[in-house]
Amino acid sequence: MNSRQRSFAVATMVFASIVLWLGTHPALGAEIPVPKDFSYEETKPLGPVPFSHKFHVTEKKLQCPECHVKPKLFEMKKLAASSQMKMAKLNEGQFCGTCHNGQKAFATKDAKACARCHVKK
């Protein structure tokens, strides 16, 4: 192999390595847009529970996989789990209760904290 062929082979390997690396890493500086806020309405007899992605992502610095991959607490489809989200399950550590356990965030079991999530209409 002459020097020209060797240079071409090295350049091809470098280019392929960069393409593979970019394929597994998001573009530098690129950000995933924060989804819009929404509200869980199936919360009777208490008021609805608004959920702010902006607050959890920008203020609390949580990343999408923390809730949507491991452990998969929520599907990516908005309100997919809302019919299953009962206070008993949250208090057992499922869904929001995974973090809202009194250690990482205020506890769902804390009766004094109801108004932190449930809002009056």
Protein backbone atom coordinates (compact mmCIF):
# COMPACT_ATOMS: atom_id res chain seq x y z
CA MET A 1 0.00 0.00 0.00
CA ASN A 2 1.48 3.33 -1.01
CA SER A 3 1.36 6.47 1.12
CA ARG A 4 -1.60 7.91 -0.76
CA GLN A 5 -3.68 4.76 -0.15
CA ARG A 6 -2.59 4.71 3.50
CA SER A 7 -3.63 8.36 3.96
CA PHE A 8 -7.00 7.65 2.35
CA ALA A 9 -7.54 4.61 4.61
CA VAL A 10 -6.67 6.62 7.75
CA ALA A 11 -8.94 9.49 6.69
CA THR A 12 -11.77 7.04 6.03
CA MET A 13 -11.34 5.43 9.46
CA VAL A 14 -11.28 8.83 11.20
CA PHE A 15 -14.39 9.94 9.30
CA ALA A 16 -16.22 6.67 10.12
CA SER A 17 -15.27 7.01 13.79
CA ILE A 18 -16.66 10.55 13.94
CA VAL A 19 -19.91 9.49 12.24
CA LEU A 20 -20.33 6.57 14.66
CA TRP A 21 -19.58 8.77 17.67
CA LEU A 22 -22.09 11.43 16.56
CA GLY A 23 -24.69 8.72 16.00
CA THR A 24 -24.53 7.70 19.66
CA HIS A 25 -24.19 11.19 21.14
CA PRO A 26 -26.54 14.13 20.62
CA ALA A 27 -25.08 17.07 18.79
CA LEU A 28 -23.05 19.25 21.09
CA GLY A 29 -25.19 22.02 22.51
CA ALA A 30 -28.43 20.48 21.22
CA GLU A 31 -31.25 20.38 23.72
CA ILE A 32 -34.39 18.30 23.76
CA PRO A 33 -37.38 20.63 23.99
CA VAL A 34 -39.19 20.52 27.32
CA PRO A 35 -42.73 19.17 26.85
CA LYS A 36 -45.68 21.39 27.74
CA ASP A 37 -47.22 21.30 31.20
CA PHE A 38 -50.43 19.35 31.65
CA SER A 39 -52.86 18.38 34.37
CA TYR A 40 -54.11 15.11 35.86
CA GLU A 41 -57.84 15.61 36.17
CA GLU A 42 -58.92 12.20 37.53
CA THR A 43 -58.23 13.11 41.16
CA LYS A 44 -61.64 13.32 42.79
CA PRO A 45 -62.56 14.18 45.49
CA LEU A 46 -59.46 16.38 45.52
CA GLY A 47 -58.62 18.99 42.90
CA PRO A 48 -56.60 18.25 39.75
CA VAL A 49 -52.82 17.89 39.80
CA PRO A 50 -50.90 20.06 37.33
CA PHE A 51 -47.54 18.66 36.24
CA SER A 52 -44.73 20.90 35.08
CA HIS A 53 -42.02 19.31 32.96
CA LYS A 54 -40.30 22.71 32.97
CA PHE A 55 -40.06 22.73 36.78
CA HIS A 56 -38.80 19.15 37.02
CA VAL A 57 -36.33 19.48 34.13
CA THR A 58 -35.01 23.03 34.47
CA GLU A 59 -35.41 23.69 38.19
CA LYS A 60 -34.76 20.19 39.60
CA LYS A 61 -32.31 19.22 36.82
CA LEU A 62 -33.97 15.86 36.14
CA GLN A 63 -33.30 14.11 32.84
CA CYS A 64 -35.97 12.35 30.73
CA PRO A 65 -34.60 8.82 31.38
CA GLU A 66 -35.04 9.25 35.12
CA CYS A 67 -38.82 8.92 34.68
CA HIS A 68 -39.24 7.46 31.21
CA VAL A 69 -36.50 4.82 30.89
CA LYS A 70 -35.01 3.35 34.07
CA PRO A 71 -37.12 2.77 36.00
CA LYS A 72 -39.92 3.30 33.49
CA LEU A 73 -42.30 5.18 35.76
CA PHE A 74 -44.21 6.86 32.95
CA GLU A 75 -44.80 6.18 29.27
CA MET A 76 -43.93 8.97 26.87
CA LYS A 77 -47.59 9.22 25.87
CA LYS A 78 -49.19 12.05 27.86
CA LEU A 79 -51.51 10.86 30.65
CA ALA A 80 -51.09 7.18 29.68
CA ALA A 81 -50.88 6.12 33.34
CA SER A 82 -53.42 8.58 34.78
CA SER A 83 -56.19 6.00 35.30
CA GLN A 84 -53.76 3.79 37.26
CA MET A 85 -52.35 6.60 39.39
CA LYS A 86 -54.17 6.31 42.68
CA MET A 87 -52.87 7.76 45.94
CA ALA A 88 -52.41 4.25 47.39
CA LYS A 89 -49.98 3.41 44.56
CA LEU A 90 -48.13 6.70 44.93
CA ASN A 91 -47.85 6.12 48.68
CA GLU A 92 -46.40 2.65 47.94
CA GLY A 93 -43.64 4.28 45.87
CA GLN A 94 -45.04 3.94 42.37
CA PHE A 95 -45.28 6.71 39.75
CA CYS A 96 -44.64 10.10 41.41
CA GLY A 97 -44.18 8.32 44.74
CA THR A 98 -40.84 6.94 43.53
CA CYS A 99 -39.26 10.34 44.17
CA HIS A 100 -41.95 11.91 46.35
CA ASN A 101 -41.06 9.62 49.23
CA GLY A 102 -39.93 12.13 51.85
CA GLN A 103 -36.25 11.62 51.00
CA LYS A 104 -35.72 12.85 47.45
CA ALA A 105 -38.81 15.11 47.46
CA PHE A 106 -41.71 15.79 49.80
CA ALA A 107 -43.75 12.66 50.55
CA THR A 108 -47.09 11.88 48.95
CA LYS A 109 -48.09 10.36 52.30
CA ASP A 110 -47.78 13.72 54.07
CA ALA A 111 -51.36 14.93 54.55
CA LYS A 112 -50.08 18.49 55.05
CA ALA A 113 -48.60 18.43 51.53
CA CYS A 114 -51.85 17.70 49.61
CA ALA A 115 -52.15 21.32 48.46
CA ARG A 116 -48.63 21.20 46.97
CA CYS A 117 -50.02 19.01 44.17
CA HIS A 118 -53.81 19.25 44.27
CA VAL A 119 -55.08 22.66 43.24
CA LYS A 120 -58.53 24.13 43.69
CA LYS A 121 -60.43 24.85 40.50
